[in-house]
Protein backbone atom coordinates (compact mmCIF):
# COMPACT_ATOMS: atom_id res chain seq x y z
CA UNK A 1 113.92 100.63 82.76
CA UNK A 2 110.74 102.48 83.55
CA UNK A 3 108.64 100.90 86.52
CA UNK A 4 105.17 101.67 87.34
CA UNK A 5 103.06 99.67 89.86
CA UNK A 6 99.57 98.53 89.54
CA UNK A 7 98.53 100.68 92.48
CA UNK A 8 99.88 103.12 95.15
CA UNK A 9 99.54 100.60 97.87
CA UNK A 10 101.73 98.17 96.05
CA UNK A 11 104.42 101.08 95.41
CA UNK A 12 104.30 102.14 99.03
CA UNK A 13 105.10 98.59 100.02
CA UNK A 14 107.82 98.13 97.62
CA UNK A 15 109.39 101.53 98.66
CA UNK A 16 109.45 100.60 102.41
CA UNK A 17 111.93 97.99 103.23
CA UNK A 18 110.66 97.74 106.84
CA UNK A 19 107.25 97.08 105.74
CA UNK A 20 108.56 94.52 103.27
CA UNK A 21 110.30 92.65 105.95
CA UNK A 22 107.37 92.63 108.25
CA UNK A 23 105.03 91.31 105.68
CA UNK A 24 107.05 88.83 103.78
CA UNK A 25 110.02 87.96 106.28
CA UNK A 26 113.54 89.30 106.10
CA UNK A 27 114.84 86.74 103.78
CA UNK A 28 112.07 87.18 101.17
CA UNK A 29 111.97 91.02 101.69
CA UNK A 30 115.67 91.08 100.70
CA UNK A 31 115.09 88.97 97.65
CA UNK A 32 112.14 91.16 96.48
CA UNK A 33 114.42 94.25 97.00
CA UNK A 34 117.20 92.66 95.18
CA UNK A 35 114.87 91.87 92.14
CA UNK A 36 113.52 95.47 92.31
CA UNK A 37 117.03 96.84 92.36
CA UNK A 38 117.94 94.74 89.15
CA UNK A 39 114.83 96.05 87.48
CA UNK A 40 115.54 99.64 88.24
CA UNK A 41 119.14 99.47 87.13
CA UNK A 42 118.34 97.70 83.79
CA UNK A 43 117.53 99.69 80.58
CA UNK A 44 115.46 96.75 79.20
CA UNK A 45 114.62 93.21 80.14
CA UNK A 46 117.45 91.65 78.47
CA UNK A 47 119.70 93.38 80.80
CA UNK A 48 118.25 91.40 83.87
CA UNK A 49 120.67 88.82 85.21
CA UNK A 50 119.65 85.23 84.72
CA UNK A 51 120.38 84.68 88.44
CA UNK A 52 116.78 86.04 89.20
CA UNK A 53 115.42 83.93 86.13
CA UNK A 54 113.25 86.35 84.25
CA UNK A 55 110.61 84.42 82.39
CA UNK A 56 107.29 84.70 80.46
CA UNK A 57 104.47 83.23 81.92
CA UNK A 58 101.56 81.20 80.43
CA UNK A 59 97.85 80.32 81.03
CA UNK A 60 96.01 82.83 83.18
CA UNK A 61 99.08 85.14 83.40
CA UNK A 62 99.79 84.80 79.60
CA UNK A 63 101.80 88.00 78.39
CA UNK A 64 103.12 88.66 81.93
CA UNK A 65 106.62 87.82 83.30
CA UNK A 66 108.00 86.78 86.50
CA UNK A 67 111.45 86.91 88.47
CA UNK A 68 112.31 84.68 91.41
CA UNK A 69 112.18 85.76 94.98
CA UNK A 70 111.94 83.05 97.36
CA UNK A 71 110.80 79.69 96.07
CA UNK A 72 107.90 79.18 95.05
CA UNK A 73 107.14 82.95 95.08
CA UNK A 74 107.64 85.47 92.07
CA UNK A 75 107.60 89.02 91.46
CA UNK A 76 105.23 89.28 88.55
CA UNK A 77 105.12 92.19 86.10
CA UNK A 78 103.91 92.91 82.44
CA UNK A 79 105.50 94.88 79.78
CA UNK A 80 104.05 98.30 79.14
CA UNK A 81 104.12 100.16 75.70
CA UNK A 82 105.32 98.82 72.41
CA UNK A 83 107.49 95.55 72.51
CA UNK A 84 108.11 92.31 70.97
CA UNK A 85 107.44 89.30 73.42
CA UNK A 86 110.35 87.44 71.91
CA UNK A 87 112.72 90.31 72.03
CA UNK A 88 113.54 91.12 75.75
CA UNK A 89 115.61 94.09 74.46
CA UNK A 90 112.27 95.81 73.38
CA UNK A 91 110.87 95.67 76.86
CA UNK A 92 111.93 98.97 78.47
CA UNK A 93 109.02 99.70 80.60
CA UNK A 94 106.98 97.40 83.01
CA UNK A 95 104.08 97.37 85.49
CA UNK A 96 104.58 95.60 88.67
CA UNK A 97 101.61 93.33 89.34
CA UNK A 98 102.61 91.43 92.60
CA UNK A 99 105.53 91.49 94.70
CA UNK A 100 105.32 87.95 95.95
CA UNK A 101 102.87 85.64 94.25
CA UNK A 102 102.74 81.79 94.11
CA UNK A 103 101.02 81.30 90.91
CA UNK A 104 101.90 77.39 90.73
């Protein structure tokens, strides 16, 4: 899956494990890295394992998706390009919005 980040600052943080651990703690940092690894290794959103629970969001985050990191935090992203929101196999490109957000 093609992954881009909302900004360079977020991408630098995602690419630096040490900074992730410093900012979010080792356990949460590892879960963020695991989620990013699954997203990078997949060809589409349908390939993401249910263990990290990819799910669409509603309300102010309508049209975006999230995967679990450390409860209650989620990695938030939105599909990019042409896709069908009801067919996860059509989502092949995403923009990472936030690495560790509690939107509840």
